[in-house]
Amino acid sequence: MKFQAKGRLIPLIIILFLISSCIPSKEYYYFQRDVTNIDSSITFKTYTHHIATNDILSIIVTSVSPEASSYFNPPLVKDNTTDNENQKVIQGYLVDDNGDISIPFLGKLHVKGLTLSETQDLLKKELEKYLISPSVQVRLNNFKIIILGEVNKPGVYYLSNENVSITEALAMAGDMTVFGKRTNILVVRESETGKPQYQMLDITNPQIFSSSYYFLHPNDIIYINARKTKISSGDMFFRITPIIVSVGTFLTLILIRTKIF
């Protein structure tokens, strides 16, 4: 009985250590502020993509003649925004350095700076020269974001929708881990000059909806910082584990000697 009672000491020490490193439940919540106090005039700042160099456009053409329409549908191209080892092959038309796409029969069309809707209108006008009642659908095929840090499924995500929010991105990545810092989400974005821009977002504050960073842009990097709790608890674990092992070994030796004598 004495051995069993003292043998419970080590698990008890470990449990107390784990309890001491627990995170308050309030730290898990999103949008914690009182929503009744938010300015009702605040609106979402949705994102409209303007076509840029190296974009890959999915252009699907239909008409009364499916065979004739097939000549205009896109080939397979490589995503130039990835490295050579991990290059992704995507179906679409690549926007070249001059901002043009090359389409059979139509030749080169300048699309850089246009929205996807404006590109659809341009293509439909050109296709009416060759097809009867053409219909055109244009999408961006290489819209991707990178999610890193304290999420359950970090990685590169390709998106089919140009209006993807930070909350949708977190959902795709399996949400934050319990150690993710909700008040300190870093978004890194390329500016038109090529220089990175940085913005910290606080997802506990509903005012995030009015941020120009709430809806993501192609190639955005989202990094979820870890709480100090995780860092300190990990450091504490490595510092205290040898002590716990030593105490456990010492107690075991005493119990063995007591039992022998």
C-alpha atoms as a PDB file:
ATOM      1  CA  MET A   1       0.000   0.000   0.000  1.00  0.00           C
ATOM      2  CA  LYS A   2       2.863   2.350   0.847  1.00  0.00           C
ATOM      3  CA  PHE A   3       4.471   1.669  -2.563  1.00  0.00           C
ATOM      4  CA  GLN A   4       1.175   2.358  -4.404  1.00  0.00           C
ATOM      5  CA  ALA A   5       0.544   5.604  -2.522  1.00  0.00           C
ATOM      6  CA  LYS A   6       4.007   6.961  -3.184  1.00  0.00           C
ATOM      7  CA  GLY A   7       3.928   5.635  -6.760  1.00  0.00           C
ATOM      8  CA  ARG A   8       1.050   8.002  -7.510  1.00  0.00           C
ATOM      9  CA  LEU A   9       3.273  10.988  -6.756  1.00  0.00           C
ATOM     10  CA  ILE A  10       4.936  11.098 -10.175  1.00  0.00           C
ATOM     11  CA  PRO A  11       1.685  11.134 -12.231  1.00  0.00           C
ATOM     12  CA  LEU A  12       0.358  13.788  -9.849  1.00  0.00           C
ATOM     13  CA  ILE A  13       3.385  16.018 -10.496  1.00  0.00           C
ATOM     14  CA  ILE A  14       2.917  15.634 -14.267  1.00  0.00           C
ATOM     15  CA  ILE A  15      -0.819  16.437 -14.043  1.00  0.00           C
ATOM     16  CA  LEU A  16      -0.128  19.559 -11.980  1.00  0.00           C
ATOM     17  CA  PHE A  17       2.440  20.662 -14.583  1.00  0.00           C
ATOM     18  CA  LEU A  18      -0.040  20.223 -17.418  1.00  0.00           C
ATOM     19  CA  ILE A  19      -2.776  22.070 -15.544  1.00  0.00           C
ATOM     20  CA  SER A  20      -0.464  24.984 -14.891  1.00  0.00           C
ATOM     21  CA  SER A  21       0.181  25.386 -18.640  1.00  0.00           C
ATOM     22  CA  CYS A  22      -3.495  25.325 -19.688  1.00  0.00           C
ATOM     23  CA  ILE A  23      -4.842  28.208 -21.787  1.00  0.00           C
ATOM     24  CA  PRO A  24      -7.915  30.110 -20.533  1.00  0.00           C
ATOM     25  CA  SER A  25     -10.964  29.114 -22.606  1.00  0.00           C
ATOM     26  CA  LYS A  26     -11.611  32.721 -23.596  1.00  0.00           C
ATOM     27  CA  GLU A  27      -8.375  32.666 -25.604  1.00  0.00           C
ATOM     28  CA  TYR A  28      -9.982  30.212 -28.062  1.00  0.00           C
ATOM     29  CA  TYR A  29     -12.876  32.453 -29.126  1.00  0.00           C
ATOM     30  CA  TYR A  30     -13.160  34.429 -32.364  1.00  0.00           C
ATOM     31  CA  PHE A  31     -14.978  37.783 -32.585  1.00  0.00           C
ATOM     32  CA  GLN A  32     -15.073  38.324 -28.833  1.00  0.00           C
ATOM     33  CA  ARG A  33     -15.992  41.999 -28.833  1.00  0.00           C
ATOM     34  CA  ASP A  34     -19.557  43.182 -28.305  1.00  0.00           C
ATOM     35  CA  VAL A  35     -21.070  43.199 -31.801  1.00  0.00           C
ATOM     36  CA  THR A  36     -23.823  45.620 -30.712  1.00  0.00           C
ATOM     37  CA  ASN A  37     -21.205  48.378 -30.466  1.00  0.00           C
ATOM     38  CA  ILE A  38     -19.877  47.944 -34.002  1.00  0.00           C
ATOM     39  CA  ASP A  39     -20.530  50.705 -36.516  1.00  0.00           C
ATOM     40  CA  SER A  40     -23.355  49.371 -38.715  1.00  0.00           C
ATOM     41  CA  SER A  41     -22.023  51.342 -41.700  1.00  0.00           C
ATOM     42  CA  ILE A  42     -18.954  49.084 -41.933  1.00  0.00           C
ATOM     43  CA  THR A  43     -18.999  46.944 -45.074  1.00  0.00           C
ATOM     44  CA  PHE A  44     -16.844  44.163 -46.436  1.00  0.00           C
ATOM     45  CA  LYS A  45     -14.002  45.342 -48.655  1.00  0.00           C
ATOM     46  CA  THR A  46     -14.268  42.608 -51.257  1.00  0.00           C
ATOM     47  CA  TYR A  47     -11.398  41.892 -53.610  1.00  0.00           C
ATOM     48  CA  THR A  48     -11.532  42.239 -57.399  1.00  0.00           C
ATOM     49  CA  HIS A  49      -8.573  40.716 -59.178  1.00  0.00           C
ATOM     50  CA  HIS A  50      -6.878  42.609 -61.995  1.00  0.00           C
ATOM     51  CA  ILE A  51      -4.998  40.310 -64.333  1.00  0.00           C
ATOM     52  CA  ALA A  52      -1.218  40.391 -63.980  1.00  0.00           C
ATOM     53  CA  THR A  53       1.835  38.864 -65.651  1.00  0.00           C
ATOM     54  CA  ASN A  54       2.158  35.079 -65.089  1.00  0.00           C
ATOM     55  CA  ASP A  55      -1.526  34.682 -64.286  1.00  0.00           C
ATOM     56  CA  ILE A  56      -3.052  31.524 -65.733  1.00  0.00           C
ATOM     57  CA  LEU A  57      -6.568  32.053 -67.053  1.00  0.00           C
ATOM     58  CA  SER A  58      -9.120  29.309 -67.458  1.00  0.00           C
ATOM     59  CA  ILE A  59     -11.205  30.311 -70.482  1.00  0.00           C
ATOM     60  CA  ILE A  60     -14.146  28.041 -71.253  1.00  0.00           C
ATOM     61  CA  VAL A  61     -15.926  28.772 -74.518  1.00  0.00           C
ATOM     62  CA  THR A  62     -19.286  27.339 -75.540  1.00  0.00           C
ATOM     63  CA  SER A  63     -21.548  27.998 -78.535  1.00  0.00           C
ATOM     64  CA  VAL A  64     -24.143  26.314 -80.732  1.00  0.00           C
ATOM     65  CA  SER A  65     -21.247  24.342 -82.248  1.00  0.00           C
ATOM     66  CA  PRO A  66     -19.321  22.403 -79.533  1.00  0.00           C
ATOM     67  CA  GLU A  67     -16.720  21.281 -82.084  1.00  0.00           C
ATOM     68  CA  ALA A  68     -15.940  24.844 -83.148  1.00  0.00           C
ATOM     69  CA  SER A  69     -15.853  26.017 -79.513  1.00  0.00           C
ATOM     70  CA  SER A  70     -13.263  23.379 -78.585  1.00  0.00           C
ATOM     71  CA  TYR A  71     -10.568  25.178 -80.609  1.00  0.00           C
ATOM     72  CA  PHE A  72     -10.636  28.066 -78.139  1.00  0.00           C
ATOM     73  CA  ASN A  73     -10.530  26.111 -74.892  1.00  0.00           C
ATOM     74  CA  PRO A  74      -7.237  26.248 -72.952  1.00  0.00           C
ATOM     75  CA  PRO A  75      -4.143  24.022 -73.123  1.00  0.00           C
ATOM     76  CA  LEU A  76      -2.046  22.739 -70.210  1.00  0.00           C
ATOM     77  CA  VAL A  77       0.583  25.207 -68.920  1.00  0.00           C
ATOM     78  CA  LYS A  78       2.991  25.339 -65.980  1.00  0.00           C
ATOM     79  CA  ASP A  79       2.526  27.668 -63.039  1.00  0.00           C
ATOM     80  CA  ASN A  80       5.595  29.934 -63.204  1.00  0.00           C
ATOM     81  CA  THR A  81       5.078  31.172 -59.645  1.00  0.00           C
ATOM     82  CA  THR A  82       6.231  27.826 -58.229  1.00  0.00           C
ATOM     83  CA  ASP A  83       9.775  26.466 -58.196  1.00  0.00           C
ATOM     84  CA  ASN A  84      10.963  23.956 -60.800  1.00  0.00           C
ATOM     85  CA  GLU A  85      10.840  20.960 -58.439  1.00  0.00           C
ATOM     86  CA  ASN A  86       7.247  21.603 -57.342  1.00  0.00           C
ATOM     87  CA  GLN A  87       5.918  23.166 -60.534  1.00  0.00           C
ATOM     88  CA  LYS A  88       2.191  22.626 -60.945  1.00  0.00           C
ATOM     89  CA  VAL A  89       0.654  21.948 -64.359  1.00  0.00           C
ATOM     90  CA  ILE A  90      -2.608  23.857 -64.806  1.00  0.00           C
ATOM     91  CA  GLN A  91      -5.062  24.084 -67.666  1.00  0.00           C
ATOM     92  CA  GLY A  92      -5.262  27.656 -68.912  1.00  0.00           C
ATOM     93  CA  TYR A  93      -3.754  30.513 -70.903  1.00  0.00           C
ATOM     94  CA  LEU A  94      -0.589  32.074 -69.492  1.00  0.00           C
ATOM     95  CA  VAL A  95      -0.359  35.881 -69.395  1.00  0.00           C
ATOM     96  CA  ASP A  96       3.069  36.671 -70.831  1.00  0.00           C
ATOM     97  CA  ASP A  97       5.523  39.415 -69.840  1.00  0.00           C
ATOM     98  CA  ASN A  98       3.749  41.869 -72.137  1.00  0.00           C
ATOM     99  CA  GLY A  99       0.384  41.161 -70.494  1.00  0.00           C
ATOM    100  CA  ASP A 100      -0.953  39.205 -73.476  1.00  0.00           C
ATOM    101  CA  ILE A 101      -2.574  35.811 -73.960  1.00  0.00           C
ATOM    102  CA  SER A 102      -2.401  33.892 -77.252  1.00  0.00           C
ATOM    103  CA  ILE A 103      -5.617  32.211 -78.379  1.00  0.00           C
ATOM    104  CA  PRO A 104      -6.043  30.219 -81.624  1.00  0.00           C
ATOM    105  CA  PHE A 105      -7.595  32.301 -84.434  1.00  0.00           C
ATOM    106  CA  LEU A 106      -7.851  35.348 -82.161  1.00  0.00           C
ATOM    107  CA  GLY A 107      -4.085  35.805 -81.846  1.00  0.00           C
ATOM    108  CA  LYS A 108      -2.679  37.908 -79.024  1.00  0.00           C
ATOM    109  CA  LEU A 109      -5.054  39.791 -76.748  1.00  0.00           C
ATOM    110  CA  HIS A 110      -3.856  42.297 -74.147  1.00  0.00           C
ATOM    111  CA  VAL A 111      -5.562  41.465 -70.842  1.00  0.00           C
ATOM    112  CA  LYS A 112      -3.164  42.788 -68.183  1.00  0.00           C
ATOM    113  CA  GLY A 113      -4.977  45.153 -65.824  1.00  0.00           C
ATOM    114  CA  LEU A 114      -8.441  43.921 -66.807  1.00  0.00           C
ATOM    115  CA  THR A 115     -10.815  42.247 -64.362  1.00  0.00           C
ATOM    116  CA  LEU A 116     -12.050  38.740 -65.130  1.00  0.00           C
ATOM    117  CA  SER A 117     -15.449  40.166 -66.069  1.00  0.00           C
ATOM    118  CA  GLU A 118     -13.879  42.679 -68.456  1.00  0.00           C
ATOM    119  CA  THR A 119     -11.817  39.891 -70.019  1.00  0.00           C
ATOM    120  CA  GLN A 120     -14.982  37.854 -70.590  1.00  0.00           C
ATOM    121  CA  ASP A 121     -16.583  40.789 -72.422  1.00  0.00           C
ATOM    122  CA  LEU A 122     -13.467  41.312 -74.565  1.00  0.00           C
ATOM    123  CA  LEU A 123     -13.289  37.626 -75.538  1.00  0.00           C
ATOM    124  CA  LYS A 124     -16.991  37.369 -76.290  1.00  0.00           C
ATOM    125  CA  LYS A 125     -16.734  40.329 -78.667  1.00  0.00           C
ATOM    126  CA  GLU A 126     -13.761  38.742 -80.466  1.00  0.00           C
ATOM    127  CA  LEU A 127     -15.333  35.274 -80.599  1.00  0.00           C
ATOM    128  CA  GLU A 128     -18.495  36.563 -82.255  1.00  0.00           C
ATOM    129  CA  LYS A 129     -16.392  36.815 -85.437  1.00  0.00           C
ATOM    130  CA  TYR A 130     -16.033  33.002 -85.481  1.00  0.00           C
ATOM    131  CA  LEU A 131     -18.850  31.506 -83.398  1.00  0.00           C
ATOM    132  CA  ILE A 132     -22.628  31.814 -83.243  1.00  0.00           C
ATOM    133  CA  SER A 133     -23.883  33.017 -79.823  1.00  0.00           C
ATOM    134  CA  PRO A 134     -20.644  32.362 -77.945  1.00  0.00           C
ATOM    135  CA  SER A 135     -20.584  32.183 -74.166  1.00  0.00           C
ATOM    136  CA  VAL A 136     -17.357  32.738 -72.214  1.00  0.00           C
ATOM    137  CA  GLN A 137     -16.360  31.950 -68.651  1.00  0.00           C
ATOM    138  CA  VAL A 138     -13.022  33.257 -67.327  1.00  0.00           C
ATOM    139  CA  ARG A 139     -11.437  32.208 -64.029  1.00  0.00           C
ATOM    140  CA  LEU A 140      -8.028  32.624 -62.435  1.00  0.00           C
ATOM    141  CA  ASN A 141      -6.437  29.178 -62.195  1.00  0.00           C
ATOM    142  CA  ASN A 142      -3.298  30.003 -60.222  1.00  0.00           C
ATOM    143  CA  PHE A 143      -4.889  31.879 -57.306  1.00  0.00           C
ATOM    144  CA  LYS A 144      -3.060  30.366 -54.379  1.00  0.00           C
ATOM    145  CA  ILE A 145      -2.357  31.250 -50.757  1.00  0.00           C
ATOM    146  CA  ILE A 146       0.160  29.878 -48.263  1.00  0.00           C
ATOM    147  CA  ILE A 147      -0.907  29.159 -44.669  1.00  0.00           C
ATOM    148  CA  LEU A 148       1.792  28.509 -42.067  1.00  0.00           C
ATOM    149  CA  GLY A 149       2.229  28.374 -38.307  1.00  0.00           C
ATOM    150  CA  GLU A 150      -0.301  27.266 -35.706  1.00  0.00           C
ATOM    151  CA  VAL A 151      -2.927  25.655 -37.955  1.00  0.00           C
ATOM    152  CA  ASN A 152      -3.830  21.990 -38.197  1.00  0.00           C
ATOM    153  CA  LYS A 153      -3.131  21.667 -41.938  1.00  0.00           C
ATOM    154  CA  PRO A 154      -0.475  24.162 -43.086  1.00  0.00           C
ATOM    155  CA  GLY A 155       0.311  24.240 -46.784  1.00  0.00           C
ATOM    156  CA  VAL A 156      -0.311  25.802 -50.196  1.00  0.00           C
ATOM    157  CA  TYR A 157      -3.971  26.151 -51.183  1.00  0.00           C
ATOM    158  CA  TYR A 158      -5.223  26.769 -54.738  1.00  0.00           C
ATOM    159  CA  LEU A 159      -8.521  28.660 -54.837  1.00  0.00           C
ATOM    160  CA  SER A 160     -11.248  28.810 -57.469  1.00  0.00           C
ATOM    161  CA  ASN A 161     -12.927  31.858 -55.946  1.00  0.00           C
ATOM    162  CA  GLU A 162     -11.285  35.289 -55.972  1.00  0.00           C
ATOM    163  CA  ASN A 163     -13.238  36.401 -52.879  1.00  0.00           C
ATOM    164  CA  VAL A 164     -11.787  34.180 -50.150  1.00  0.00           C
ATOM    165  CA  SER A 165     -11.629  35.612 -46.632  1.00  0.00           C
ATOM    166  CA  ILE A 166      -9.124  35.005 -43.857  1.00  0.00           C
ATOM    167  CA  THR A 167     -11.774  33.014 -41.946  1.00  0.00           C
ATOM    168  CA  GLU A 168     -12.395  30.758 -44.957  1.00  0.00           C
ATOM    169  CA  ALA A 169      -8.644  30.235 -45.312  1.00  0.00           C
ATOM    170  CA  LEU A 170      -8.374  29.194 -41.655  1.00  0.00           C
ATOM    171  CA  ALA A 171     -11.269  26.767 -42.143  1.00  0.00           C
ATOM    172  CA  MET A 172      -9.481  25.204 -45.149  1.00  0.00           C
ATOM    173  CA  ALA A 173      -6.376  24.773 -42.999  1.00  0.00           C
ATOM    174  CA  GLY A 174      -8.359  22.908 -40.334  1.00  0.00           C
ATOM    175  CA  ASP A 175      -8.615  25.969 -38.044  1.00  0.00           C
ATOM    176  CA  MET A 176      -5.967  27.204 -35.626  1.00  0.00           C
ATOM    177  CA  THR A 177      -4.438  24.907 -33.057  1.00  0.00           C
ATOM    178  CA  VAL A 178      -5.140  25.697 -29.401  1.00  0.00           C
ATOM    179  CA  PHE A 179      -1.795  27.504 -29.335  1.00  0.00           C
ATOM    180  CA  GLY A 180      -2.619  29.830 -32.269  1.00  0.00           C
ATOM    181  CA  LYS A 181      -2.611  33.491 -31.292  1.00  0.00           C
ATOM    182  CA  ARG A 182      -5.992  34.853 -32.382  1.00  0.00           C
ATOM    183  CA  THR A 183      -4.953  38.474 -31.879  1.00  0.00           C
ATOM    184  CA  ASN A 184      -1.784  38.254 -33.952  1.00  0.00           C
ATOM    185  CA  ILE A 185      -2.322  36.863 -37.474  1.00  0.00           C
ATOM    186  CA  LEU A 186       0.320  38.022 -39.934  1.00  0.00           C
ATOM    187  CA  VAL A 187      -0.580  38.514 -43.612  1.00  0.00           C
ATOM    188  CA  VAL A 188       2.283  39.085 -46.059  1.00  0.00           C
ATOM    189  CA  ARG A 189       1.262  40.487 -49.436  1.00  0.00           C
ATOM    190  CA  GLU A 190       3.126  41.477 -52.587  1.00  0.00           C
ATOM    191  CA  SER A 191       2.631  45.104 -53.571  1.00  0.00           C
ATOM    192  CA  GLU A 192       2.463  46.356 -57.157  1.00  0.00           C
ATOM    193  CA  THR A 193       6.122  47.361 -56.844  1.00  0.00           C
ATOM    194  CA  GLY A 194       7.071  43.813 -55.868  1.00  0.00           C
ATOM    195  CA  LYS A 195       7.901  44.717 -52.281  1.00  0.00           C
ATOM    196  CA  PRO A 196       6.199  42.764 -49.478  1.00  0.00           C
ATOM    197  CA  GLN A 197       3.569  44.442 -47.306  1.00  0.00           C
ATOM    198  CA  TYR A 198       2.801  43.271 -43.773  1.00  0.00           C
ATOM    199  CA  GLN A 199      -0.421  43.466 -41.799  1.00  0.00           C
ATOM    200  CA  MET A 200      -1.388  42.075 -38.385  1.00  0.00           C
ATOM    201  CA  LEU A 201      -5.021  40.985 -37.992  1.00  0.00           C
ATOM    202  CA  ASP A 202      -6.970  40.434 -34.777  1.00  0.00           C
ATOM    203  CA  ILE A 203      -9.684  37.857 -35.396  1.00  0.00           C
ATOM    204  CA  THR A 204     -11.177  38.412 -31.927  1.00  0.00           C
ATOM    205  CA  ASN A 205     -12.288  41.860 -33.084  1.00  0.00           C
ATOM    206  CA  PRO A 206     -15.248  42.035 -35.538  1.00  0.00           C
ATOM    207  CA  GLN A 207     -13.712  45.211 -36.991  1.00  0.00           C
ATOM    208  CA  ILE A 208     -11.553  42.802 -38.996  1.00  0.00           C
ATOM    209  CA  PHE A 209     -14.404  42.631 -41.530  1.00  0.00           C
ATOM    210  CA  SER A 210     -13.597  46.155 -42.708  1.00  0.00           C
ATOM    211  CA  SER A 211      -9.885  45.457 -43.234  1.00  0.00           C
ATOM    212  CA  SER A 212      -8.534  45.416 -46.787  1.00  0.00           C
ATOM    213  CA  TYR A 213      -6.642  42.284 -45.704  1.00  0.00           C
ATOM    214  CA  TYR A 214      -9.781  40.365 -44.690  1.00  0.00           C
ATOM    215  CA  PHE A 215     -10.228  39.159 -48.288  1.00  0.00           C
ATOM    216  CA  LEU A 216      -7.055  37.556 -49.568  1.00  0.00           C
ATOM    217  CA  HIS A 217      -5.051  38.275 -52.707  1.00  0.00           C
ATOM    218  CA  PRO A 218      -3.131  35.758 -54.858  1.00  0.00           C
ATOM    219  CA  ASN A 219       0.143  34.616 -53.251  1.00  0.00           C
ATOM    220  CA  ASP A 220      -0.777  35.993 -49.816  1.00  0.00           C
ATOM    221  CA  ILE A 221       1.087  34.327 -46.947  1.00  0.00           C
ATOM    222  CA  ILE A 222      -0.834  33.838 -43.705  1.00  0.00           C
ATOM    223  CA  TYR A 223       1.247  33.081 -40.647  1.00  0.00           C
ATOM    224  CA  ILE A 224      -0.360  32.178 -37.311  1.00  0.00           C
ATOM    225  CA  ASN A 225       1.923  33.090 -34.439  1.00  0.00           C
ATOM    226  CA  ALA A 226       2.207  30.792 -31.407  1.00  0.00           C
ATOM    227  CA  ARG A 227       1.195  31.955 -27.941  1.00  0.00           C
ATOM    228  CA  LYS A 228       3.870  32.480 -25.346  1.00  0.00           C
ATOM    229  CA  THR A 229       2.081  29.703 -23.431  1.00  0.00           C
ATOM    230  CA  LYS A 230       3.234  27.123 -25.976  1.00  0.00           C
ATOM    231  CA  ILE A 231       6.778  28.452 -26.102  1.00  0.00           C
ATOM    232  CA  SER A 232       7.118  28.715 -22.320  1.00  0.00           C
ATOM    233  CA  SER A 233       5.393  25.389 -21.646  1.00  0.00           C
ATOM    234  CA  GLY A 234       7.645  23.644 -24.163  1.00  0.00           C
ATOM    235  CA  ASP A 235      10.700  25.229 -22.584  1.00  0.00           C
ATOM    236  CA  MET A 236       9.408  24.370 -19.105  1.00  0.00           C
ATOM    237  CA  PHE A 237       8.804  20.767 -20.179  1.00  0.00           C
ATOM    238  CA  PHE A 238      12.426  20.267 -21.222  1.00  0.00           C
ATOM    239  CA  ARG A 239      13.669  21.958 -18.035  1.00  0.00           C
ATOM    240  CA  ILE A 240      11.433  20.107 -15.609  1.00  0.00           C
ATOM    241  CA  THR A 241      11.454  16.622 -17.190  1.00  0.00           C
ATOM    242  CA  PRO A 242      14.976  15.721 -15.940  1.00  0.00           C
ATOM    243  CA  ILE A 243      13.949  16.825 -12.437  1.00  0.00           C
ATOM    244  CA  ILE A 244      10.789  14.682 -12.515  1.00  0.00           C
ATOM    245  CA  VAL A 245      12.783  11.675 -13.776  1.00  0.00           C
ATOM    246  CA  SER A 246      15.418  12.175 -11.073  1.00  0.00           C
ATOM    247  CA  VAL A 247      12.791  12.483  -8.324  1.00  0.00           C
ATOM    248  CA  GLY A 248      10.982   9.417  -9.654  1.00  0.00           C
ATOM    249  CA  THR A 249      14.194   7.384  -9.729  1.00  0.00           C
ATOM    250  CA  PHE A 250      15.097   8.506  -6.211  1.00  0.00           C
ATOM    251  CA  LEU A 251      11.659   7.598  -4.832  1.00  0.00           C
ATOM    252  CA  THR A 252      11.750   4.232  -6.571  1.00  0.00           C
ATOM    253  CA  LEU A 253      15.142   3.401  -5.035  1.00  0.00           C
ATOM    254  CA  ILE A 254      13.882   4.381  -1.572  1.00  0.00           C
ATOM    255  CA  LEU A 255      10.748   2.239  -1.979  1.00  0.00           C
ATOM    256  CA  ILE A 256      12.834  -0.734  -3.164  1.00  0.00           C
ATOM    257  CA  ARG A 257      15.233  -0.420  -0.235  1.00  0.00           C
ATOM    258  CA  THR A 258      12.308  -0.063   2.213  1.00  0.00           C
ATOM    259  CA  LYS A 259      10.695  -3.168   0.810  1.00  0.00           C
ATOM    260  CA  ILE A 260      13.970  -5.153   1.035  1.00  0.00           C
ATOM    261  CA  PHE A 261      14.791  -4.103   4.559  1.00  0.00           C
END
